[in-house]
Amino acid sequence: MAADLVLMAAALVTVVVLWRSGARVSPGVHGWRSLRGWRLLAVAVVLGVASSVAVAVVSGAPRAGLFDPVGQLAPLPAVGLALIAVLTLLTREQLRSGGARLLTETALFFSASMVLAQVLVVGPALGGQPLTAPDRQVLELACVLTAAILSAVLVLITLSAGARRASGALLLLAAGTWAAAHGFAVAGEDLDLPLLVSGVTGAQLGALLLLCLAALRDPGAHVVAPPTRTTARLSLAGQLLPHVVMVVAAGVYLGAPLAGADPSRAAGVALLCCLALTAAQRAVAARDESRVAGRLRRSEAYFRSLVRSSSDAVLILDSELRVTWAAPSLQPPVDAPPLTGRPLVEAVHPEDAEAVRVWLAGGVAGSAGAAPIGLREFRLRAVSGGWRVLEAGVSDLRGDADVRALVLHCRDVTARLDREHELSSLAFTDPLTGLPNRAAQRVVLDGLLGELAAPAGDAAEDVALLLIEVQGLREAGEHAGRAVVDVALVEVARRLRATVRAEDQVARIGAELFSVLAHGTGDEPDRVAARCLSVIEAPITTEAGIVDLTAAVGLAPLVAGLTDRAAVDRAELA
């Protein structure tokens, strides 16, 4: 009596937990529409407790060794209601999405459960005493409903997503524990085994506890949680469970004669159904796998074509910054080592290796694991054997479980840089002599004056601006023509360039005006000016004869605080 009171109290607590969980997972649902899922399961528990109490009051305690058909029939409406409640935890869309594969797996699990019920419950009941046809039908119906509930919970685990699978796993454990308790009760009464009967109450209490945990763990169908390793394992377990139960059922069926039991004919039929459903499930699975593989191949070919035809080529680097995949357009010449399998810093131009290494390290030299930012230009070998310039952006997908790599989106900017170089040459180069023009001279002059204005400018090398005005070009043009003047100017530019040092800029800034930015200390700029005058005054031989030129030089030392305009004005005055 004390055990029955404890069980009844636990059942009432379970009803309260299920009812509140139903309100939590279905917010905003009122009226008869709320009587589904956990709330309907709470009603099933109340109905089961009420029917058990009614049977106990009317019939009294069953006599040992005798099958109690009324005690077995009374809870069946509650079991049927519980089956409906489990199915209402799923939406119609989820039930329709299962397909043939889920149907065959569920049927296989149901058949295997029936084999276990026939061998472990019905067999001992038939062996312990003769049963009438109605009594056996009641027992068979109880086994069918129990197997149906277990199958429905398996469907819940398979079709649910995210954290709800954990709730379904707890619900399956609860249903399995309750079914085992029911089997212990039937087998213990029929075989007169008090040890089995004494464990029934404990198993039922455990089932109620698991049922409460399942309801409390359920986040509801409206909550979409990202998949975790636990939910992935539960999904795999849900797919393997029908086959595991089938293997166990086959082992129990074949081992029953060794224990002196005689499996019923229904158990043999159920086992044959298991074998047939296994073949059907394998055929359906093979068909689904073939369809999925075909879709994957088409999807892979589709995206591969997109990647190949894209103007941006892709490089994929692993955690060690080795190239694991490279777009076909980035492949090196045939005689060069392939990109795949090599660290990227070994494949780029040696002058770009250190910059690329720092960039891939997140912009900090020597760091590791940081995410690269911004764009980076580097050179890779082209199929022709030369170097091409790539501008690369990066997507850090090392945290994505499906990628775990750095993805570089590369664009070939070689042609663009060549055009920019050509435009720069046109903008900063004198077309006749090839020397820098006035704009180029101003850029360099601004840079030198900026260095002098910096705190370290006092320690910098002295620089002077020389303006050289060539005289005699107009007379040469009047006597020999414009072509001779051009030849003379080209020769003057060559001589000036050969006279000064490599770091000294020579520019043509006017029709008859050249400039030199001469580096040196003391009177070195004066000596440079004298040499420039001497090379200009040397005769120039042309096809039209000898051209004699002279020149005037103005020298202005560059000092801190001077502007480029002021420096030019001083040189012009000089």
Protein backbone atom coordinates (compact mmCIF):
# COMPACT_ATOMS: atom_id res chain seq x y z
CA MET A 1 0.00 0.00 0.00
CA ALA A 2 2.84 2.42 0.81
CA ALA A 3 4.45 1.77 -2.59
CA ASP A 4 1.13 2.45 -4.34
CA LEU A 5 0.72 5.74 -2.47
CA VAL A 6 4.25 6.85 -3.40
CA LEU A 7 3.59 5.93 -7.03
CA MET A 8 0.32 7.86 -7.03
CA ALA A 9 1.99 10.94 -5.53
CA ALA A 10 4.77 10.75 -8.14
CA ALA A 11 2.16 10.46 -10.88
CA LEU A 12 0.36 13.60 -9.63
CA VAL A 13 3.64 15.54 -9.56
CA THR A 14 4.34 14.33 -13.09
CA VAL A 15 0.92 15.55 -14.21
CA VAL A 16 1.65 19.05 -12.86
CA VAL A 17 5.07 19.15 -14.55
CA LEU A 18 3.65 17.97 -17.88
CA TRP A 19 0.78 20.47 -17.75
CA ARG A 20 3.08 23.42 -17.07
CA SER A 21 5.57 22.28 -19.70
CA GLY A 22 2.74 22.16 -22.24
CA ALA A 23 1.93 25.80 -21.50
CA ARG A 24 5.62 26.75 -21.75
CA VAL A 25 6.37 25.12 -25.11
CA SER A 26 3.10 26.36 -26.69
CA PRO A 27 2.84 30.03 -25.67
CA GLY A 28 -0.23 31.90 -26.80
CA VAL A 29 -2.29 28.73 -27.43
CA HIS A 30 -5.52 28.54 -25.40
CA GLY A 31 -8.69 26.51 -25.31
CA TRP A 32 -9.01 23.04 -26.71
CA ARG A 33 -6.08 23.69 -29.06
CA SER A 34 -3.76 23.66 -26.05
CA LEU A 35 -4.82 20.08 -25.23
CA ARG A 36 -2.03 18.45 -27.18
CA GLY A 37 1.55 17.37 -26.63
CA TRP A 38 2.63 17.40 -23.00
CA ARG A 39 -0.79 18.47 -21.74
CA LEU A 40 -2.46 15.60 -23.53
CA LEU A 41 0.19 13.31 -22.08
CA ALA A 42 -0.70 14.68 -18.62
CA VAL A 43 -4.33 13.74 -19.26
CA ALA A 44 -3.16 10.25 -20.27
CA VAL A 45 -1.25 9.90 -16.97
CA VAL A 46 -4.33 11.01 -15.01
CA LEU A 47 -6.48 8.55 -16.93
CA GLY A 48 -3.99 5.74 -16.31
CA VAL A 49 -3.82 6.44 -12.57
CA ALA A 50 -7.62 6.70 -12.31
CA SER A 51 -8.13 3.41 -14.18
CA SER A 52 -5.57 1.61 -12.03
CA VAL A 53 -7.19 2.92 -8.80
CA ALA A 54 -10.64 1.93 -10.07
CA VAL A 55 -9.50 -1.60 -10.90
CA ALA A 56 -7.78 -1.93 -7.52
CA VAL A 57 -10.96 -0.79 -5.70
CA VAL A 58 -13.36 -2.94 -7.70
CA SER A 59 -11.34 -6.13 -8.23
CA GLY A 60 -8.99 -6.03 -5.26
CA ALA A 61 -5.46 -7.42 -5.44
CA PRO A 62 -4.96 -10.06 -8.18
CA ARG A 63 -4.12 -13.54 -7.08
CA ALA A 64 -0.59 -14.69 -7.79
CA GLY A 65 -0.16 -16.89 -10.81
CA LEU A 66 -3.37 -15.75 -12.48
CA PHE A 67 -3.62 -13.44 -15.45
CA ASP A 68 -5.64 -10.32 -14.68
CA PRO A 69 -7.39 -9.30 -17.95
CA VAL A 70 -9.27 -6.41 -16.31
CA GLY A 71 -6.04 -5.00 -14.86
CA GLN A 72 -4.39 -5.23 -18.28
CA LEU A 73 -7.35 -3.78 -20.21
CA ALA A 74 -8.06 -0.79 -17.96
CA PRO A 75 -4.86 1.22 -18.75
CA LEU A 76 -5.09 0.65 -22.52
CA PRO A 77 -7.20 3.80 -23.21
CA ALA A 78 -4.57 5.83 -21.38
CA VAL A 79 -1.85 4.14 -23.45
CA GLY A 80 -3.70 4.97 -26.66
CA LEU A 81 -4.11 8.58 -25.53
CA ALA A 82 -0.40 8.74 -24.72
CA LEU A 83 0.35 7.52 -28.26
CA ILE A 84 -1.71 10.38 -29.71
CA ALA A 85 -0.04 12.84 -27.32
CA VAL A 86 3.45 11.86 -28.52
CA LEU A 87 2.43 12.30 -32.15
CA THR A 88 0.97 15.75 -31.44
CA LEU A 89 4.39 16.90 -30.27
CA LEU A 90 5.20 16.98 -33.99
CA THR A 91 3.63 19.22 -36.60
CA ARG A 92 1.92 17.91 -39.71
CA GLU A 93 4.73 19.26 -41.86
CA GLN A 94 7.28 17.30 -39.84
CA LEU A 95 5.27 14.09 -40.11
CA ARG A 96 4.96 14.52 -43.87
CA SER A 97 8.67 15.20 -44.28
CA GLY A 98 9.72 11.78 -42.98
CA GLY A 99 9.33 9.99 -46.28
CA ALA A 100 9.62 6.31 -47.08
CA ARG A 101 12.90 5.87 -45.23
CA LEU A 102 11.44 6.97 -41.89
CA LEU A 103 8.38 4.81 -42.51
CA THR A 104 10.45 1.66 -43.09
CA GLU A 105 12.74 2.39 -40.11
CA THR A 106 9.74 2.93 -37.83
CA ALA A 107 8.08 -0.26 -39.08
CA LEU A 108 11.33 -2.17 -38.50
CA PHE A 109 11.58 -0.83 -34.94
CA PHE A 110 7.92 -1.69 -34.30
CA SER A 111 8.33 -5.25 -35.61
CA ALA A 112 11.50 -5.79 -33.56
CA SER A 113 9.72 -4.48 -30.45
CA MET A 114 6.88 -6.92 -31.12
CA VAL A 115 9.37 -9.79 -31.33
CA LEU A 116 10.76 -8.82 -27.91
CA ALA A 117 7.25 -8.47 -26.47
CA GLN A 118 6.20 -11.87 -27.82
CA VAL A 119 9.27 -13.65 -26.50
CA LEU A 120 9.68 -11.86 -23.15
CA VAL A 121 6.04 -11.13 -22.20
CA VAL A 122 3.53 -13.16 -24.19
CA GLY A 123 5.65 -16.32 -24.16
CA PRO A 124 6.01 -16.47 -20.35
CA ALA A 125 2.31 -15.63 -19.95
CA LEU A 126 1.28 -18.51 -22.23
CA GLY A 127 3.74 -20.86 -20.58
CA GLY A 128 2.62 -20.03 -17.05
CA GLN A 129 -1.11 -20.74 -17.54
CA PRO A 130 -3.61 -21.31 -20.33
CA LEU A 131 -5.18 -18.08 -21.55
CA THR A 132 -8.57 -17.70 -23.15
CA ALA A 133 -8.84 -16.00 -26.51
CA PRO A 134 -10.12 -12.68 -25.03
CA ASP A 135 -7.34 -12.69 -22.43
CA ARG A 136 -4.69 -13.22 -25.08
CA GLN A 137 -6.18 -10.52 -27.27
CA VAL A 138 -5.95 -8.07 -24.37
CA LEU A 139 -2.32 -8.99 -23.81
CA GLU A 140 -1.51 -8.73 -27.53
CA LEU A 141 -3.23 -5.34 -27.74
CA ALA A 142 -1.18 -4.07 -24.78
CA CYS A 143 2.02 -5.20 -26.53
CA VAL A 144 0.96 -3.52 -29.79
CA LEU A 145 0.19 -0.20 -28.11
CA THR A 146 3.42 -0.28 -26.12
CA ALA A 147 5.47 -0.95 -29.26
CA ALA A 148 3.52 1.81 -31.05
CA ILE A 149 4.39 4.35 -28.33
CA LEU A 150 8.08 3.44 -28.52
CA SER A 151 7.96 3.80 -32.31
CA ALA A 152 6.21 7.17 -32.06
CA VAL A 153 8.92 8.47 -29.71
CA LEU A 154 11.57 7.25 -32.16
CA VAL A 155 9.84 9.28 -34.89
CA LEU A 156 9.93 12.30 -32.55
CA ILE A 157 13.71 11.93 -32.12
CA THR A 158 14.30 11.50 -35.85
CA LEU A 159 12.17 14.43 -37.02
CA SER A 160 13.02 16.90 -34.25
CA ALA A 161 15.92 19.29 -34.56
CA GLY A 162 18.40 20.72 -32.10
CA ALA A 163 17.86 20.42 -28.37
CA ARG A 164 14.46 18.72 -28.75
CA ARG A 165 16.23 15.49 -29.66
CA ALA A 166 17.59 15.27 -26.12
CA SER A 167 14.04 15.62 -24.81
CA GLY A 168 12.93 12.87 -27.19
CA ALA A 169 15.75 10.60 -26.00
CA LEU A 170 14.61 11.04 -22.37
CA LEU A 171 11.03 10.36 -23.43
CA LEU A 172 12.15 7.15 -25.19
CA LEU A 173 13.94 6.03 -22.02
CA ALA A 174 10.80 6.78 -20.00
CA ALA A 175 8.58 4.81 -22.39
CA GLY A 176 11.05 1.93 -22.50
CA THR A 177 11.30 1.83 -18.70
CA TRP A 178 7.50 1.87 -18.33
CA ALA A 179 7.16 -0.90 -20.94
CA ALA A 180 9.77 -2.96 -19.09
CA ALA A 181 7.88 -2.43 -15.83
CA HIS A 182 4.65 -3.59 -17.50
CA GLY A 183 6.43 -6.67 -18.86
CA PHE A 184 7.90 -7.44 -15.44
CA ALA A 185 4.43 -7.20 -13.90
CA VAL A 186 2.85 -9.58 -16.42
CA ALA A 187 5.71 -12.08 -16.39
CA GLY A 188 6.05 -11.95 -12.58
CA GLU A 189 2.36 -12.59 -11.99
CA ASP A 190 2.08 -15.40 -14.53
CA LEU A 191 5.31 -17.14 -13.50
CA ASP A 192 4.82 -16.40 -9.78
CA LEU A 193 8.17 -14.58 -9.48
CA PRO A 194 7.93 -12.09 -6.58
CA LEU A 195 11.38 -10.65 -7.41
CA LEU A 196 10.14 -9.32 -10.74
CA VAL A 197 6.96 -7.93 -9.22
CA SER A 198 8.88 -6.16 -6.46
CA GLY A 199 10.91 -4.21 -9.05
CA VAL A 200 7.89 -2.94 -10.93
CA THR A 201 7.21 0.05 -8.65
CA GLY A 202 10.83 1.21 -8.82
CA ALA A 203 10.81 1.00 -12.63
CA GLN A 204 7.56 2.95 -12.79
CA LEU A 205 8.96 5.68 -10.52
CA GLY A 206 12.04 5.87 -12.73
CA ALA A 207 9.84 6.18 -15.82
CA LEU A 208 7.87 9.04 -14.24
CA LEU A 209 11.11 10.84 -13.32
CA LEU A 210 12.44 10.48 -16.88
CA LEU A 211 9.10 11.74 -18.20
CA CYS A 212 9.40 14.89 -16.05
CA LEU A 213 12.98 15.48 -17.23
CA ALA A 214 11.89 15.08 -20.86
CA ALA A 215 9.13 17.66 -20.45
CA LEU A 216 11.39 20.12 -18.64
CA ARG A 217 14.14 19.69 -21.26
CA ASP A 218 11.82 20.31 -24.22
CA PRO A 219 12.47 23.81 -25.70
CA GLY A 220 9.42 23.56 -27.95
CA ALA A 221 9.07 23.20 -31.70
CA HIS A 222 9.19 26.99 -32.17
CA VAL A 223 12.73 27.28 -30.77
CA VAL A 224 15.41 26.83 -33.44
CA ALA A 225 18.76 26.02 -31.85
CA PRO A 226 22.01 25.39 -33.75
CA PRO A 227 23.03 21.73 -33.98
CA THR A 228 25.56 20.46 -31.48
CA ARG A 229 27.71 17.36 -31.22
CA THR A 230 25.18 15.83 -28.78
CA THR A 231 22.22 16.37 -31.09
CA ALA A 232 24.22 14.95 -34.01
CA ARG A 233 24.98 11.83 -31.98
CA LEU A 234 21.32 11.49 -31.00
CA SER A 235 20.33 11.74 -34.66
CA LEU A 236 22.79 8.96 -35.54
CA ALA A 237 21.54 6.88 -32.60
CA GLY A 238 17.96 7.32 -33.81
CA GLN A 239 18.93 5.94 -37.22
CA LEU A 240 20.84 2.99 -35.75
CA LEU A 241 18.35 2.09 -33.00
CA PRO A 242 15.89 0.14 -35.23
CA HIS A 243 18.71 -2.08 -36.47
CA VAL A 244 20.13 -2.56 -32.97
CA VAL A 245 16.72 -3.55 -31.59
CA MET A 246 16.23 -5.90 -34.55
CA VAL A 247 19.56 -7.63 -33.84
CA VAL A 248 18.66 -7.94 -30.14
CA ALA A 249 15.22 -9.30 -31.03
CA ALA A 250 16.73 -11.88 -33.37
CA GLY A 251 19.21 -12.93 -30.68
CA VAL A 252 16.46 -13.24 -28.05
CA TYR A 253 14.24 -15.21 -30.42
CA LEU A 254 17.00 -17.64 -31.37
CA GLY A 255 18.19 -17.98 -27.77
CA ALA A 256 14.72 -18.58 -26.28
CA PRO A 257 14.72 -22.37 -27.02
CA LEU A 258 18.03 -22.67 -25.17
CA ALA A 259 16.31 -21.28 -22.06
CA GLY A 260 13.45 -23.77 -22.40
CA ALA A 261 10.97 -21.26 -23.85
CA ASP A 262 8.91 -21.81 -26.98
CA PRO A 263 8.51 -18.56 -29.00
CA SER A 264 5.01 -18.06 -30.31
CA ARG A 265 4.11 -18.15 -33.96
CA ALA A 266 3.42 -14.43 -33.88
CA ALA A 267 7.02 -13.85 -32.77
CA GLY A 268 8.28 -15.76 -35.80
CA VAL A 269 6.01 -13.78 -38.11
CA ALA A 270 7.23 -10.53 -36.55
CA LEU A 271 10.87 -11.61 -37.01
CA LEU A 272 10.23 -12.40 -40.69
CA CYS A 273 8.69 -8.95 -41.03
CA CYS A 274 11.87 -7.53 -39.49
CA LEU A 275 14.01 -9.24 -42.11
CA ALA A 276 11.77 -8.07 -44.96
CA LEU A 277 11.69 -4.52 -43.59
CA THR A 278 15.47 -4.53 -43.25
CA ALA A 279 15.78 -5.27 -46.95
CA ALA A 280 13.15 -2.64 -47.78
CA GLN A 281 14.86 -0.07 -45.57
CA ARG A 282 18.22 -0.77 -47.21
CA ALA A 283 16.65 -0.33 -50.66
CA VAL A 284 14.98 2.94 -49.66
CA ALA A 285 18.20 4.18 -48.04
CA ALA A 286 20.20 3.31 -51.16
CA ARG A 287 17.68 5.18 -53.31
CA ASP A 288 17.79 8.24 -51.04
CA GLU A 289 21.60 8.14 -50.91
CA SER A 290 21.74 7.94 -54.68
CA ARG A 291 19.45 10.96 -54.98
CA VAL A 292 21.44 12.92 -52.42
CA ALA A 293 24.72 11.98 -54.12
CA GLY A 294 23.30 13.11 -57.47
CA ARG A 295 22.19 16.44 -56.01
CA LEU A 296 25.59 16.88 -54.40
CA ARG A 297 27.36 16.17 -57.69
CA ARG A 298 25.16 18.64 -59.55
CA SER A 299 25.59 21.24 -56.81
CA GLU A 300 29.35 20.71 -56.74
CA ALA A 301 29.58 20.99 -60.53
CA TYR A 302 27.41 24.12 -60.43
CA PHE A 303 29.54 25.91 -57.84
CA ARG A 304 32.78 24.68 -59.42
CA SER A 305 31.67 26.24 -62.71
CA LEU A 306 30.82 29.47 -60.90
CA VAL A 307 34.23 29.54 -59.23
CA ARG A 308 36.05 28.85 -62.48
CA SER A 309 34.13 31.49 -64.42
CA SER A 310 34.41 34.13 -61.70
CA SER A 311 36.77 37.02 -62.21
CA ASP A 312 37.98 36.45 -58.65
CA ALA A 313 40.07 33.30 -58.23
CA VAL A 314 40.05 31.46 -54.91
CA LEU A 315 42.86 30.12 -52.74
CA ILE A 316 42.06 28.00 -49.67
CA LEU A 317 44.63 27.76 -46.88
CA ASP A 318 44.60 25.36 -43.93
CA SER A 319 45.55 26.21 -40.34
CA GLU A 320 49.25 25.92 -41.28
CA LEU A 321 48.72 28.43 -44.14
CA ARG A 322 49.33 25.72 -46.75
CA VAL A 323 47.37 25.85 -49.99
CA THR A 324 44.77 23.07 -49.94
CA TRP A 325 42.90 24.19 -53.07
CA ALA A 326 43.63 26.68 -55.82
CA ALA A 327 41.45 27.85 -58.68
CA PRO A 328 42.60 26.55 -62.08
CA SER A 329 43.38 30.11 -63.19
CA LEU A 330 46.04 30.37 -60.47
CA GLN A 331 47.99 27.26 -61.43
CA PRO A 332 51.72 27.85 -62.07
CA PRO A 333 53.65 26.73 -65.18
CA VAL A 334 53.96 23.01 -65.85
CA ASP A 335 57.63 22.94 -64.90
CA ALA A 336 57.04 24.76 -61.57
CA PRO A 337 55.99 23.08 -58.30
CA PRO A 338 52.20 22.95 -57.86
CA LEU A 339 50.50 25.36 -55.48
CA THR A 340 48.58 22.68 -53.59
CA GLY A 341 50.37 21.42 -50.52
CA ARG A 342 52.85 24.32 -50.32
CA PRO A 343 52.82 27.22 -47.85
CA LEU A 344 51.64 30.33 -49.63
CA VAL A 345 54.68 32.32 -48.51
CA GLU A 346 56.89 29.86 -50.46
CA ALA A 347 54.83 30.28 -53.62
CA VAL A 348 54.78 34.08 -53.80
CA HIS A 349 57.59 36.30 -55.05
CA PRO A 350 60.50 36.30 -52.55
CA GLU A 351 60.19 40.07 -52.11
CA ASP A 352 56.52 39.65 -51.08
CA ALA A 353 56.99 36.66 -48.75
CA GLU A 354 57.53 38.57 -45.49
CA ALA A 355 54.66 40.99 -46.12
CA VAL A 356 52.31 38.10 -46.91
CA ARG A 357 53.43 36.23 -43.79
CA VAL A 358 52.70 39.25 -41.59
CA TRP A 359 49.36 39.82 -43.31
CA LEU A 360 48.22 36.22 -42.83
CA ALA A 361 49.29 36.44 -39.19
CA GLY A 362 46.77 39.22 -38.65
CA GLY A 363 49.05 42.17 -39.26
CA VAL A 364 51.44 41.40 -36.39
CA ALA A 365 54.79 39.82 -37.14
CA GLY A 366 55.32 36.57 -35.27
CA SER A 367 51.67 36.24 -34.16
CA ALA A 368 49.56 33.21 -34.93
CA GLY A 369 45.83 32.59 -35.09
CA ALA A 370 44.77 36.21 -35.64
CA ALA A 371 42.43 37.01 -38.50
CA PRO A 372 44.00 38.74 -41.54
CA ILE A 373 42.42 42.07 -42.39
CA GLY A 374 42.31 44.34 -45.43
CA LEU A 375 43.66 43.71 -48.91
CA ARG A 376 47.15 42.60 -49.87
CA GLU A 377 48.96 42.57 -53.20
CA PHE A 378 51.49 39.85 -53.96
CA ARG A 379 52.98 38.17 -56.99
CA LEU A 380 52.48 34.59 -58.14
CA ARG A 381 53.89 32.71 -61.09
CA ALA A 382 51.77 32.86 -64.22
CA VAL A 383 51.36 30.04 -66.71
CA SER A 384 53.60 31.98 -69.10
CA GLY A 385 56.41 31.80 -66.52
CA GLY A 386 56.39 35.47 -65.54
CA TRP A 387 55.00 37.09 -62.43
CA ARG A 388 51.48 38.41 -62.15
CA VAL A 389 50.19 40.70 -59.41
CA LEU A 390 47.17 39.54 -57.39
CA GLU A 391 45.06 41.66 -55.07
CA ALA A 392 43.62 39.38 -52.37
CA GLY A 393 40.94 39.79 -49.73
CA VAL A 394 40.39 37.16 -47.08
CA SER A 395 37.47 35.42 -45.36
CA ASP A 396 38.45 33.79 -42.08
CA LEU A 397 36.34 30.60 -41.97
CA ARG A 398 38.55 28.70 -39.55
CA GLY A 399 35.71 28.77 -37.03
CA ASP A 400 33.27 27.22 -39.52
CA ALA A 401 33.11 23.47 -38.88
CA ASP A 402 32.37 22.81 -42.56
CA VAL A 403 35.35 24.79 -43.90
CA ARG A 404 38.02 25.37 -41.21
CA ALA A 405 40.21 27.36 -43.59
CA LEU A 406 41.25 30.81 -44.74
CA VAL A 407 39.66 31.67 -48.10
CA LEU A 408 41.55 34.19 -50.23
CA HIS A 409 39.59 35.93 -53.00
CA CYS A 410 42.24 36.93 -55.55
CA ARG A 411 41.92 39.29 -58.50
CA ASP A 412 44.58 39.63 -61.17
CA VAL A 413 45.52 43.33 -61.24
CA THR A 414 48.62 43.03 -63.43
CA ALA A 415 46.99 44.74 -66.42
CA ARG A 416 45.53 47.44 -64.20
CA LEU A 417 48.90 48.19 -62.61
CA ASP A 418 50.54 48.28 -66.05
CA ARG A 419 47.99 50.83 -67.19
CA GLU A 420 48.48 52.84 -64.02
CA HIS A 421 52.22 52.75 -64.59
CA GLU A 422 51.74 53.96 -68.16
CA LEU A 423 49.47 56.77 -67.02
CA SER A 424 51.93 57.67 -64.29
CA SER A 425 54.71 57.74 -66.86
CA LEU A 426 52.70 60.04 -69.06
CA ALA A 427 51.89 62.32 -66.14
CA PHE A 428 55.40 62.48 -64.62
CA THR A 429 57.76 61.95 -67.56
CA ASP A 430 58.98 64.31 -70.25
CA PRO A 431 58.12 62.54 -73.54
CA LEU A 432 61.16 63.87 -75.43
CA THR A 433 64.03 63.24 -73.03
CA GLY A 434 62.51 60.58 -70.79
CA LEU A 435 63.44 62.62 -67.73
CA PRO A 436 60.98 63.44 -64.94
CA ASN A 437 58.89 66.52 -65.69
CA ARG A 438 57.92 69.47 -63.50
CA ALA A 439 55.21 67.49 -61.67
CA ALA A 440 57.64 64.70 -60.80
CA GLN A 441 60.24 67.22 -59.69
CA ARG A 442 57.71 68.90 -57.40
CA VAL A 443 56.80 65.58 -55.76
CA VAL A 444 60.43 64.78 -55.00
CA LEU A 445 61.12 68.34 -53.87
CA ASP A 446 58.14 68.24 -51.46
CA GLY A 447 59.43 64.96 -50.04
CA LEU A 448 62.91 66.35 -49.42
CA LEU A 449 61.55 69.48 -47.76
CA GLY A 450 59.27 67.33 -45.59
CA GLU A 451 62.26 65.30 -44.41
CA LEU A 452 64.07 68.50 -43.51
CA ALA A 453 61.06 69.71 -41.53
CA ALA A 454 60.94 66.45 -39.53
CA PRO A 455 62.74 66.22 -36.15
CA ALA A 456 65.55 64.18 -37.74
CA GLY A 457 65.94 66.67 -40.58
CA ASP A 458 69.04 68.28 -39.11
CA ALA A 459 70.97 65.03 -39.46
CA ALA A 460 69.93 64.50 -43.09
CA GLU A 461 72.36 65.05 -45.99
CA ASP A 462 72.38 68.53 -47.52
CA VAL A 463 70.46 68.99 -50.76
CA ALA A 464 70.54 71.88 -53.22
CA LEU A 465 68.21 72.74 -56.08
CA LEU A 466 69.99 73.57 -59.34
CA LEU A 467 68.06 75.28 -62.15
CA ILE A 468 69.90 75.07 -65.47
CA GLU A 469 68.77 77.31 -68.35
CA VAL A 470 70.17 76.14 -71.69
CA GLN A 471 71.02 78.95 -74.11
CA GLY A 472 71.48 78.68 -77.86
CA LEU A 473 68.58 76.33 -78.65
CA ARG A 474 66.54 79.05 -80.37
CA GLU A 475 69.38 79.98 -82.72
CA ALA A 476 69.99 76.30 -83.50
CA GLY A 477 66.32 75.88 -84.37
CA GLU A 478 66.37 78.90 -86.67
CA HIS A 479 69.40 77.62 -88.60
CA ALA A 480 68.94 73.80 -88.56
CA GLY A 481 65.31 73.11 -87.68
CA ARG A 482 63.30 71.71 -84.82
CA ALA A 483 64.62 68.16 -85.24
CA VAL A 484 68.17 69.32 -84.45
CA VAL A 485 66.90 71.07 -81.30
CA ASP A 486 65.25 67.83 -80.17
CA VAL A 487 68.47 65.90 -80.74
CA ALA A 488 70.38 68.50 -78.76
CA LEU A 489 67.93 68.39 -75.88
CA VAL A 490 68.11 64.58 -75.71
CA GLU A 491 71.90 64.76 -75.65
CA VAL A 492 71.88 67.41 -72.92
CA ALA A 493 69.54 65.23 -70.82
CA ARG A 494 71.85 62.23 -71.29
CA ARG A 495 74.94 64.21 -70.29
CA LEU A 496 73.29 65.66 -67.20
CA ARG A 497 72.09 62.26 -66.09
CA ALA A 498 75.58 60.81 -66.55
CA THR A 499 77.17 63.69 -64.66
CA VAL A 500 75.26 63.59 -61.35
CA ARG A 501 75.03 60.82 -58.77
CA ALA A 502 72.38 58.10 -58.87
CA GLU A 503 70.33 59.63 -56.03
CA ASP A 504 70.32 63.07 -57.70
CA GLN A 505 67.17 63.72 -59.68
CA VAL A 506 67.52 65.36 -63.12
CA ALA A 507 64.27 66.78 -64.54
CA ARG A 508 63.22 68.84 -67.53
CA ILE A 509 60.81 71.46 -66.23
CA GLY A 510 60.60 73.79 -69.19
CA ALA A 511 61.39 74.11 -72.87
CA GLU A 512 64.98 75.23 -72.13
CA LEU A 513 65.04 74.60 -68.38
CA PHE A 514 66.42 71.60 -66.46
CA SER A 515 66.67 71.02 -62.72
CA VAL A 516 68.95 68.92 -60.56
CA LEU A 517 68.40 67.99 -56.91
CA ALA A 518 72.02 67.55 -55.89
CA HIS A 519 72.97 65.79 -52.66
CA GLY A 520 76.19 66.60 -50.87
CA THR A 521 77.84 68.67 -48.21
CA GLY A 522 79.99 71.75 -48.37
CA ASP A 523 80.77 72.89 -51.91
CA GLU A 524 79.74 69.62 -53.57
CA PRO A 525 76.59 71.19 -55.12
CA ASP A 526 78.81 73.95 -56.59
CA ARG A 527 81.07 71.36 -58.18
CA VAL A 528 78.03 69.57 -59.58
CA ALA A 529 76.83 72.85 -61.08
CA ALA A 530 80.25 73.43 -62.67
CA ARG A 531 80.28 69.94 -64.18
CA CYS A 532 76.77 70.43 -65.55
CA LEU A 533 77.86 73.67 -67.27
CA SER A 534 80.92 72.02 -68.74
CA VAL A 535 79.06 69.05 -70.24
CA ILE A 536 76.42 71.32 -71.75
CA GLU A 537 79.01 73.63 -73.31
CA ALA A 538 80.77 70.67 -74.98
CA PRO A 539 79.91 70.59 -78.73
CA ILE A 540 76.98 68.41 -79.78
CA THR A 541 77.32 66.59 -83.09
CA THR A 542 74.14 66.21 -85.18
CA GLU A 543 73.40 65.29 -88.79
CA ALA A 544 73.01 68.98 -89.54
CA GLY A 545 76.34 69.83 -88.01
CA ILE A 546 77.76 70.84 -84.66
CA VAL A 547 75.57 72.63 -82.16
CA ASP A 548 77.24 74.86 -79.57
CA LEU A 549 75.23 75.58 -76.43
CA THR A 550 75.85 77.49 -73.22
CA ALA A 551 73.96 77.52 -69.93
CA ALA A 552 73.31 79.46 -66.75
CA VAL A 553 72.92 77.75 -63.37
CA GLY A 554 71.12 78.97 -60.27
CA LEU A 555 71.70 77.15 -56.97
CA ALA A 556 69.44 77.28 -53.90
CA PRO A 557 70.24 75.13 -50.82
CA LEU A 558 67.19 73.44 -49.29
CA VAL A 559 66.66 74.38 -45.66
CA ALA A 560 63.97 73.56 -43.09
CA GLY A 561 60.86 75.71 -43.35
CA LEU A 562 61.30 76.38 -47.06
CA THR A 563 58.42 75.65 -49.45
CA ASP A 564 58.84 74.20 -52.93
CA ARG A 565 57.68 77.47 -54.53
CA ALA A 566 60.14 79.47 -52.47
CA ALA A 567 62.98 77.09 -53.32
CA VAL A 568 62.26 77.43 -57.06
CA ASP A 569 62.03 81.21 -56.74
CA ARG A 570 65.44 81.35 -55.04
CA ALA A 571 67.01 79.17 -57.72
CA GLU A 572 65.48 81.33 -60.46
CA LEU A 573 66.83 84.45 -58.84
CA ALA A 574 70.23 82.82 -58.51
